[in-house]
Amino acid sequence: MPLIGFFDQKDQKEVNGFIDEIFSEMGWKKDFLYGTEDIASFFSGKRDAFFVVKENNQITGTLGLKELENGKGLLKRFYLDKNCRGRGVAQDLLKKAVEFAREKSYETLVLDTQADNLRAQRFYEKSGFVPFNPEPNQKWPESLHPDIFVYRMLKLS
């Protein structure tokens, strides 16, 4: 059974490898945004968090929450190992992040996904996210690209 907890610095190397595997599987070019090389530093704000899913002592999922501004939280690095998909793990992981966001008094959560990632888009919409056109934000480079779908969860309360 998967366990969801907070990132620990000792997990950094394994998280890097896990994210590299996901990028390879999806055919994405490696990027260094959003703390890939140093999770603890990037997600270090008082209202930030980085969650890991572990199964059989191996990391099988990740999800980061980074404060943007004005009560808005950005969800990034939401990945699951292919063997975890379709088992409700993504819903549990998202629920954990939403609970944390509520505890930290976030008003809105936003995220982005590739335009061709229809499975993720369906999941986000089923989970209460709706498409929207964000204001360009330098802290969120994807908000500057019209070819990326962005979503917002309207109510956290």
N, C-alpha and C. Protein backbone atom coordinates (compact mmCIF):
# COMPACT_ATOMS: atom_id res chain seq x y z
N MET A 1 0.85 -1.19 0.00
CA MET A 1 0.00 0.00 0.00
C MET A 1 0.89 1.25 0.00
N PRO A 2 0.63 2.18 -0.90
CA PRO A 2 1.44 3.40 -0.96
C PRO A 2 1.27 4.28 0.28
N LEU A 3 2.38 4.88 0.70
CA LEU A 3 2.37 5.83 1.81
C LEU A 3 2.72 7.21 1.27
N ILE A 4 1.96 8.21 1.69
CA ILE A 4 2.21 9.58 1.24
C ILE A 4 2.75 10.37 2.42
N GLY A 5 3.88 11.02 2.20
CA GLY A 5 4.49 11.82 3.25
C GLY A 5 5.22 13.01 2.66
N PHE A 6 5.84 13.77 3.55
CA PHE A 6 6.61 14.93 3.11
C PHE A 6 8.00 14.50 2.64
N PHE A 7 8.53 15.23 1.71
CA PHE A 7 9.88 15.03 1.20
C PHE A 7 10.88 15.15 2.33
N ASP A 8 11.88 14.28 2.30
CA ASP A 8 13.01 14.34 3.22
C ASP A 8 14.26 14.49 2.36
N GLN A 9 15.22 15.28 2.82
CA GLN A 9 16.43 15.54 2.05
C GLN A 9 17.11 14.25 1.58
N LYS A 10 17.02 13.20 2.37
CA LYS A 10 17.66 11.94 1.98
C LYS A 10 17.01 11.32 0.73
N ASP A 11 15.83 11.81 0.36
CA ASP A 11 15.13 11.31 -0.83
C ASP A 11 15.55 12.01 -2.12
N GLN A 12 16.38 13.06 -2.02
CA GLN A 12 16.68 13.90 -3.18
C GLN A 12 17.18 13.10 -4.39
N LYS A 13 18.15 12.25 -4.19
CA LYS A 13 18.73 11.51 -5.31
C LYS A 13 17.68 10.59 -5.96
N GLU A 14 16.89 9.93 -5.12
CA GLU A 14 15.86 9.04 -5.65
C GLU A 14 14.77 9.83 -6.38
N VAL A 15 14.40 10.99 -5.84
CA VAL A 15 13.42 11.85 -6.51
C VAL A 15 13.95 12.28 -7.87
N ASN A 16 15.22 12.68 -7.94
CA ASN A 16 15.82 13.06 -9.23
C ASN A 16 15.70 11.93 -10.24
N GLY A 17 16.06 10.72 -9.82
CA GLY A 17 15.98 9.57 -10.70
C GLY A 17 14.55 9.28 -11.13
N PHE A 18 13.62 9.39 -10.19
CA PHE A 18 12.21 9.15 -10.49
C PHE A 18 11.71 10.16 -11.53
N ILE A 19 12.01 11.43 -11.32
CA ILE A 19 11.56 12.46 -12.26
C ILE A 19 12.21 12.25 -13.63
N ASP A 20 13.48 11.87 -13.66
CA ASP A 20 14.15 11.57 -14.93
C ASP A 20 13.43 10.44 -15.67
N GLU A 21 13.01 9.40 -14.92
CA GLU A 21 12.28 8.27 -15.53
C GLU A 21 10.95 8.74 -16.13
N ILE A 22 10.24 9.57 -15.39
CA ILE A 22 8.95 10.08 -15.89
C ILE A 22 9.18 10.88 -17.17
N PHE A 23 10.17 11.77 -17.17
CA PHE A 23 10.44 12.58 -18.36
C PHE A 23 10.79 11.69 -19.55
N SER A 24 11.58 10.67 -19.32
CA SER A 24 11.95 9.75 -20.38
C SER A 24 10.71 9.02 -20.91
N GLU A 25 9.89 8.52 -20.01
CA GLU A 25 8.67 7.80 -20.40
C GLU A 25 7.75 8.69 -21.24
N MET A 26 7.62 9.95 -20.87
CA MET A 26 6.71 10.86 -21.55
C MET A 26 7.33 11.50 -22.79
N GLY A 27 8.63 11.29 -22.99
CA GLY A 27 9.30 11.90 -24.14
C GLY A 27 9.56 13.38 -23.97
N TRP A 28 9.67 13.81 -22.72
CA TRP A 28 9.91 15.23 -22.43
C TRP A 28 11.40 15.49 -22.29
N LYS A 29 11.80 16.70 -22.62
CA LYS A 29 13.17 17.14 -22.43
C LYS A 29 13.36 17.52 -20.96
N LYS A 30 14.46 17.11 -20.38
CA LYS A 30 14.73 17.41 -18.97
C LYS A 30 14.79 18.91 -18.75
N ASP A 31 14.18 19.34 -17.65
CA ASP A 31 14.27 20.75 -17.28
C ASP A 31 14.75 20.85 -15.84
N PHE A 32 15.16 22.03 -15.48
CA PHE A 32 15.68 22.24 -14.12
C PHE A 32 14.82 23.24 -13.35
N LEU A 33 13.60 23.42 -13.81
CA LEU A 33 12.67 24.30 -13.12
C LEU A 33 12.09 23.59 -11.90
N TYR A 34 11.55 24.36 -11.02
CA TYR A 34 10.79 23.84 -9.88
C TYR A 34 11.58 22.89 -9.00
N GLY A 35 12.84 23.20 -8.79
CA GLY A 35 13.62 22.52 -7.78
C GLY A 35 14.02 21.10 -8.05
N THR A 36 14.02 20.68 -9.30
CA THR A 36 14.35 19.29 -9.59
C THR A 36 15.65 18.87 -8.92
N GLU A 37 16.65 19.72 -8.97
CA GLU A 37 17.95 19.36 -8.41
C GLU A 37 18.07 19.64 -6.92
N ASP A 38 17.19 20.47 -6.38
CA ASP A 38 17.25 20.80 -4.95
C ASP A 38 15.84 21.10 -4.44
N ILE A 39 15.10 20.04 -4.24
CA ILE A 39 13.69 20.14 -3.81
C ILE A 39 13.57 20.96 -2.53
N ALA A 40 14.39 20.66 -1.53
CA ALA A 40 14.28 21.31 -0.22
C ALA A 40 14.43 22.83 -0.32
N SER A 41 15.32 23.30 -1.17
CA SER A 41 15.51 24.75 -1.31
C SER A 41 14.36 25.40 -2.08
N PHE A 42 13.93 24.76 -3.15
CA PHE A 42 12.89 25.37 -3.97
C PHE A 42 11.55 25.42 -3.24
N PHE A 43 11.18 24.34 -2.58
CA PHE A 43 9.91 24.28 -1.86
C PHE A 43 10.16 24.57 -0.38
N SER A 44 10.78 25.72 -0.10
CA SER A 44 11.20 26.02 1.27
C SER A 44 10.36 27.10 1.96
N GLY A 45 9.39 27.66 1.26
CA GLY A 45 8.56 28.69 1.86
C GLY A 45 7.70 28.14 2.99
N LYS A 46 7.22 29.02 3.84
CA LYS A 46 6.40 28.60 4.98
C LYS A 46 5.12 27.88 4.55
N ARG A 47 4.67 28.19 3.35
CA ARG A 47 3.43 27.59 2.86
C ARG A 47 3.68 26.62 1.70
N ASP A 48 4.93 26.21 1.52
CA ASP A 48 5.30 25.26 0.47
C ASP A 48 5.36 23.85 1.04
N ALA A 49 5.23 22.88 0.16
CA ALA A 49 5.39 21.47 0.55
C ALA A 49 5.75 20.66 -0.68
N PHE A 50 6.42 19.56 -0.44
CA PHE A 50 6.69 18.60 -1.50
C PHE A 50 6.39 17.23 -0.93
N PHE A 51 5.45 16.54 -1.57
CA PHE A 51 5.01 15.23 -1.09
C PHE A 51 5.63 14.13 -1.94
N VAL A 52 5.90 13.01 -1.30
CA VAL A 52 6.37 11.84 -2.02
C VAL A 52 5.46 10.66 -1.68
N VAL A 53 5.29 9.81 -2.66
CA VAL A 53 4.57 8.55 -2.47
C VAL A 53 5.63 7.47 -2.44
N LYS A 54 5.55 6.60 -1.44
CA LYS A 54 6.49 5.48 -1.37
C LYS A 54 5.71 4.18 -1.30
N GLU A 55 6.18 3.23 -2.06
CA GLU A 55 5.62 1.89 -2.05
C GLU A 55 6.79 0.92 -2.09
N ASN A 56 6.78 -0.03 -1.17
CA ASN A 56 7.91 -0.97 -1.05
C ASN A 56 9.23 -0.22 -0.93
N ASN A 57 9.20 0.86 -0.15
CA ASN A 57 10.40 1.66 0.13
C ASN A 57 10.99 2.36 -1.09
N GLN A 58 10.20 2.50 -2.14
CA GLN A 58 10.66 3.21 -3.34
C GLN A 58 9.72 4.36 -3.64
N ILE A 59 10.26 5.45 -4.14
CA ILE A 59 9.43 6.59 -4.51
C ILE A 59 8.68 6.25 -5.80
N THR A 60 7.36 6.39 -5.71
CA THR A 60 6.51 6.07 -6.86
C THR A 60 5.61 7.25 -7.24
N GLY A 61 5.80 8.39 -6.57
CA GLY A 61 5.01 9.56 -6.91
C GLY A 61 5.53 10.81 -6.23
N THR A 62 5.22 11.96 -6.82
CA THR A 62 5.62 13.25 -6.25
C THR A 62 4.56 14.30 -6.55
N LEU A 63 4.51 15.32 -5.71
CA LEU A 63 3.66 16.49 -5.95
C LEU A 63 4.16 17.63 -5.09
N GLY A 64 4.46 18.76 -5.73
CA GLY A 64 4.92 19.94 -5.01
C GLY A 64 3.86 21.03 -4.98
N LEU A 65 3.87 21.81 -3.91
CA LEU A 65 2.99 22.97 -3.76
C LEU A 65 3.87 24.17 -3.44
N LYS A 66 3.81 25.18 -4.30
CA LYS A 66 4.63 26.38 -4.16
C LYS A 66 3.72 27.60 -4.11
N GLU A 67 3.94 28.47 -3.13
CA GLU A 67 3.14 29.69 -3.04
C GLU A 67 3.54 30.65 -4.16
N LEU A 68 2.55 31.15 -4.89
CA LEU A 68 2.80 32.19 -5.88
C LEU A 68 2.64 33.55 -5.20
N GLU A 69 1.42 33.96 -4.98
CA GLU A 69 1.11 35.19 -4.24
C GLU A 69 -0.39 35.28 -4.06
N ASN A 70 -0.81 36.19 -3.18
CA ASN A 70 -2.23 36.48 -2.98
C ASN A 70 -3.09 35.23 -2.75
N GLY A 71 -2.61 34.33 -1.92
CA GLY A 71 -3.39 33.14 -1.59
C GLY A 71 -3.46 32.10 -2.68
N LYS A 72 -2.58 32.22 -3.67
CA LYS A 72 -2.58 31.29 -4.80
C LYS A 72 -1.42 30.31 -4.66
N GLY A 73 -1.72 29.02 -4.78
CA GLY A 73 -0.69 27.99 -4.73
C GLY A 73 -0.55 27.30 -6.07
N LEU A 74 0.67 27.00 -6.44
CA LEU A 74 0.98 26.34 -7.70
C LEU A 74 1.36 24.89 -7.43
N LEU A 75 0.65 23.96 -8.06
CA LEU A 75 0.98 22.54 -7.96
C LEU A 75 1.92 22.19 -9.11
N LYS A 76 3.06 21.58 -8.77
CA LYS A 76 4.06 21.20 -9.77
C LYS A 76 4.62 19.82 -9.44
N ARG A 77 5.22 19.22 -10.45
CA ARG A 77 5.90 17.93 -10.31
C ARG A 77 4.95 16.85 -9.81
N PHE A 78 3.72 16.84 -10.37
CA PHE A 78 2.71 15.84 -10.02
C PHE A 78 2.91 14.65 -10.94
N TYR A 79 3.65 13.67 -10.45
CA TYR A 79 4.00 12.50 -11.25
C TYR A 79 3.73 11.23 -10.47
N LEU A 80 3.31 10.19 -11.20
CA LEU A 80 3.14 8.86 -10.62
C LEU A 80 3.80 7.84 -11.52
N ASP A 81 4.41 6.86 -10.89
CA ASP A 81 4.95 5.71 -11.60
C ASP A 81 3.80 5.04 -12.35
N LYS A 82 4.09 4.51 -13.52
CA LYS A 82 3.03 3.91 -14.34
C LYS A 82 2.32 2.77 -13.61
N ASN A 83 2.99 2.10 -12.68
CA ASN A 83 2.35 1.01 -11.93
C ASN A 83 1.40 1.51 -10.85
N CYS A 84 1.44 2.80 -10.56
CA CYS A 84 0.53 3.39 -9.56
C CYS A 84 -0.70 4.01 -10.21
N ARG A 85 -0.65 4.24 -11.48
CA ARG A 85 -1.75 4.93 -12.16
C ARG A 85 -2.99 4.04 -12.23
N GLY A 86 -4.14 4.67 -12.10
CA GLY A 86 -5.39 3.94 -12.18
C GLY A 86 -5.76 3.21 -10.91
N ARG A 87 -5.05 3.48 -9.82
CA ARG A 87 -5.31 2.79 -8.55
C ARG A 87 -5.81 3.73 -7.46
N GLY A 88 -6.08 4.98 -7.80
CA GLY A 88 -6.56 5.94 -6.82
C GLY A 88 -5.45 6.67 -6.08
N VAL A 89 -4.21 6.38 -6.41
CA VAL A 89 -3.07 7.01 -5.73
C VAL A 89 -3.00 8.50 -6.06
N ALA A 90 -3.25 8.85 -7.31
CA ALA A 90 -3.21 10.26 -7.70
C ALA A 90 -4.25 11.06 -6.92
N GLN A 91 -5.44 10.49 -6.77
CA GLN A 91 -6.50 11.18 -6.02
C GLN A 91 -6.08 11.36 -4.57
N ASP A 92 -5.48 10.33 -3.98
CA ASP A 92 -5.03 10.42 -2.58
C ASP A 92 -3.93 11.48 -2.43
N LEU A 93 -3.02 11.51 -3.38
CA LEU A 93 -1.92 12.48 -3.33
C LEU A 93 -2.45 13.91 -3.48
N LEU A 94 -3.35 14.10 -4.42
CA LEU A 94 -3.94 15.43 -4.60
C LEU A 94 -4.73 15.84 -3.36
N LYS A 95 -5.45 14.90 -2.78
CA LYS A 95 -6.23 15.19 -1.57
C LYS A 95 -5.31 15.66 -0.44
N LYS A 96 -4.16 15.02 -0.30
CA LYS A 96 -3.18 15.40 0.72
C LYS A 96 -2.71 16.84 0.49
N ALA A 97 -2.41 17.18 -0.76
CA ALA A 97 -1.95 18.53 -1.08
C ALA A 97 -3.05 19.56 -0.84
N VAL A 98 -4.29 19.23 -1.19
CA VAL A 98 -5.41 20.15 -0.98
C VAL A 98 -5.63 20.37 0.51
N GLU A 99 -5.56 19.30 1.30
CA GLU A 99 -5.70 19.44 2.76
C GLU A 99 -4.62 20.36 3.32
N PHE A 100 -3.39 20.18 2.87
CA PHE A 100 -2.29 21.03 3.31
C PHE A 100 -2.56 22.49 2.91
N ALA A 101 -3.02 22.69 1.68
CA ALA A 101 -3.32 24.04 1.19
C ALA A 101 -4.40 24.71 2.04
N ARG A 102 -5.40 23.94 2.42
CA ARG A 102 -6.45 24.49 3.29
C ARG A 102 -5.87 24.89 4.65
N GLU A 103 -5.04 24.02 5.20
CA GLU A 103 -4.41 24.32 6.50
C GLU A 103 -3.58 25.60 6.43
N LYS A 104 -2.98 25.85 5.29
CA LYS A 104 -2.13 27.03 5.10
C LYS A 104 -2.90 28.22 4.55
N SER A 105 -4.21 28.11 4.51
CA SER A 105 -5.12 29.20 4.10
C SER A 105 -4.95 29.66 2.66
N TYR A 106 -4.62 28.75 1.77
CA TYR A 106 -4.62 29.09 0.35
C TYR A 106 -6.06 29.31 -0.08
N GLU A 107 -6.26 30.21 -1.02
CA GLU A 107 -7.59 30.46 -1.58
C GLU A 107 -7.82 29.70 -2.87
N THR A 108 -6.76 29.54 -3.65
CA THR A 108 -6.86 28.93 -4.97
C THR A 108 -5.62 28.09 -5.25
N LEU A 109 -5.81 26.99 -5.96
CA LEU A 109 -4.69 26.21 -6.46
C LEU A 109 -4.72 26.25 -7.98
N VAL A 110 -3.55 26.38 -8.58
CA VAL A 110 -3.45 26.36 -10.04
C VAL A 110 -2.41 25.32 -10.44
N LEU A 111 -2.52 24.87 -11.67
CA LEU A 111 -1.56 23.91 -12.21
C LEU A 111 -1.59 23.99 -13.72
N ASP A 112 -0.65 23.31 -14.34
CA ASP A 112 -0.63 23.28 -15.80
C ASP A 112 -0.31 21.87 -16.26
N THR A 113 -0.66 21.59 -17.50
CA THR A 113 -0.34 20.31 -18.10
C THR A 113 -0.17 20.51 -19.61
N GLN A 114 0.50 19.58 -20.22
CA GLN A 114 0.70 19.65 -21.67
C GLN A 114 -0.64 19.54 -22.38
N ALA A 115 -0.77 20.22 -23.49
CA ALA A 115 -2.02 20.22 -24.26
C ALA A 115 -2.41 18.83 -24.73
N ASP A 116 -1.43 17.95 -24.96
CA ASP A 116 -1.74 16.61 -25.44
C ASP A 116 -1.89 15.58 -24.32
N ASN A 117 -1.82 16.00 -23.08
CA ASN A 117 -1.94 15.08 -21.95
C ASN A 117 -3.41 15.00 -21.51
N LEU A 118 -4.20 14.34 -22.34
CA LEU A 118 -5.65 14.28 -22.12
C LEU A 118 -6.02 13.53 -20.85
N ARG A 119 -5.25 12.50 -20.51
CA ARG A 119 -5.54 11.75 -19.29
C ARG A 119 -5.43 12.66 -18.06
N ALA A 120 -4.38 13.46 -18.01
CA ALA A 120 -4.21 14.39 -16.88
C ALA A 120 -5.32 15.43 -16.88
N GLN A 121 -5.68 15.93 -18.05
CA GLN A 121 -6.74 16.94 -18.12
C GLN A 121 -8.05 16.39 -17.58
N ARG A 122 -8.40 15.15 -17.96
CA ARG A 122 -9.63 14.53 -17.44
C ARG A 122 -9.56 14.38 -15.93
N PHE A 123 -8.40 13.94 -15.43
CA PHE A 123 -8.24 13.77 -13.98
C PHE A 123 -8.43 15.09 -13.25
N TYR A 124 -7.81 16.15 -13.74
CA TYR A 124 -7.92 17.45 -13.08
C TYR A 124 -9.36 17.95 -13.09
N GLU A 125 -10.03 17.79 -14.21
CA GLU A 125 -11.42 18.25 -14.29
C GLU A 125 -12.32 17.45 -13.34
N LYS A 126 -12.11 16.14 -13.26
CA LYS A 126 -12.89 15.32 -12.31
C LYS A 126 -12.59 15.71 -10.87
N SER A 127 -11.42 16.25 -10.65
CA SER A 127 -10.98 16.61 -9.29
C SER A 127 -11.37 18.04 -8.90
N GLY A 128 -12.11 18.73 -9.75
CA GLY A 128 -12.60 20.06 -9.39
C GLY A 128 -11.85 21.22 -9.99
N PHE A 129 -10.91 20.96 -10.88
CA PHE A 129 -10.19 22.04 -11.55
C PHE A 129 -10.92 22.42 -12.83
N VAL A 130 -10.84 23.68 -13.19
CA VAL A 130 -11.46 24.17 -14.42
C VAL A 130 -10.41 24.95 -15.22
N PRO A 131 -10.48 24.87 -16.56
CA PRO A 131 -9.53 25.63 -17.37
C PRO A 131 -9.73 27.13 -17.17
N PHE A 132 -8.65 27.87 -17.26
CA PHE A 132 -8.74 29.33 -17.18
C PHE A 132 -7.54 29.95 -17.88
N ASN A 133 -7.63 31.24 -18.15
CA ASN A 133 -6.53 31.99 -18.77
C ASN A 133 -5.84 32.78 -17.67
N PRO A 134 -4.65 32.36 -17.28
CA PRO A 134 -3.98 33.04 -16.17
C PRO A 134 -3.34 34.36 -16.59
N GLU A 135 -3.16 35.21 -15.62
CA GLU A 135 -2.35 36.41 -15.82
C GLU A 135 -0.90 35.94 -15.96
N PRO A 136 -0.14 36.49 -16.89
CA PRO A 136 1.27 36.11 -16.99
C PRO A 136 1.99 36.36 -15.67
N ASN A 137 2.78 35.38 -15.26
CA ASN A 137 3.46 35.45 -13.96
C ASN A 137 4.88 34.90 -14.13
N GLN A 138 5.87 35.71 -13.84
CA GLN A 138 7.26 35.29 -14.01
C GLN A 138 7.62 34.12 -13.10
N LYS A 139 6.94 33.97 -11.97
CA LYS A 139 7.21 32.84 -11.08
C LYS A 139 6.63 31.55 -11.63
N TRP A 140 5.79 31.66 -12.65
CA TRP A 140 5.13 30.51 -13.25
C TRP A 140 5.29 30.60 -14.76
N PRO A 141 6.44 30.19 -15.30
CA PRO A 141 6.73 30.37 -16.72
C PRO A 141 5.68 29.78 -17.66
N GLU A 142 5.05 28.69 -17.25
CA GLU A 142 4.04 28.08 -18.12
C GLU A 142 2.83 28.98 -18.34
N SER A 143 2.61 29.94 -17.44
CA SER A 143 1.49 30.87 -17.61
C SER A 143 1.71 31.79 -18.82
N LEU A 144 2.92 31.79 -19.34
CA LEU A 144 3.26 32.63 -20.49
C LEU A 144 3.07 31.91 -21.82
N HIS A 145 2.72 30.61 -21.77
CA HIS A 145 2.64 29.79 -22.98
C HIS A 145 1.20 29.39 -23.28
N PRO A 146 0.63 29.84 -24.39
CA PRO A 146 -0.75 29.50 -24.71
C PRO A 146 -0.95 28.05 -25.11
N ASP A 147 0.13 27.31 -25.38
CA ASP A 147 -0.01 25.92 -25.80
C ASP A 147 -0.09 24.95 -24.63
N ILE A 148 -0.11 25.47 -23.43
CA ILE A 148 -0.18 24.63 -22.24
C ILE A 148 -1.52 24.88 -21.57
N PHE A 149 -2.20 23.79 -21.20
CA PHE A 149 -3.48 23.92 -20.51
C PHE A 149 -3.23 24.25 -19.06
N VAL A 150 -3.92 25.25 -18.55
CA VAL A 150 -3.81 25.60 -17.14
C VAL A 150 -5.17 25.47 -16.48
N TYR A 151 -5.14 25.07 -15.24
CA TYR A 151 -6.36 24.81 -14.49
C TYR A 151 -6.32 25.52 -13.16
N ARG A 152 -7.51 25.77 -12.65
CA ARG A 152 -7.64 26.41 -11.36
C ARG A 152 -8.72 25.67 -10.57
N MET A 153 -8.44 25.40 -9.31
CA MET A 153 -9.46 24.87 -8.42
C MET A 153 -10.15 26.08 -7.80
N LEU A 154 -11.43 26.19 -8.00
CA LEU A 154 -12.14 27.40 -7.62
C LEU A 154 -12.30 27.59 -6.13
N LYS A 155 -12.63 26.53 -5.41
CA LYS A 155 -12.90 26.69 -3.98
C LYS A 155 -12.08 25.69 -3.18
N LEU A 156 -11.35 26.20 -2.23
CA LEU A 156 -10.63 25.32 -1.32
C LEU A 156 -11.38 25.13 -0.02
N SER A 157 -12.31 26.01 0.27
CA SER A 157 -13.03 25.91 1.55
C SER A 157 -14.18 24.94 1.47
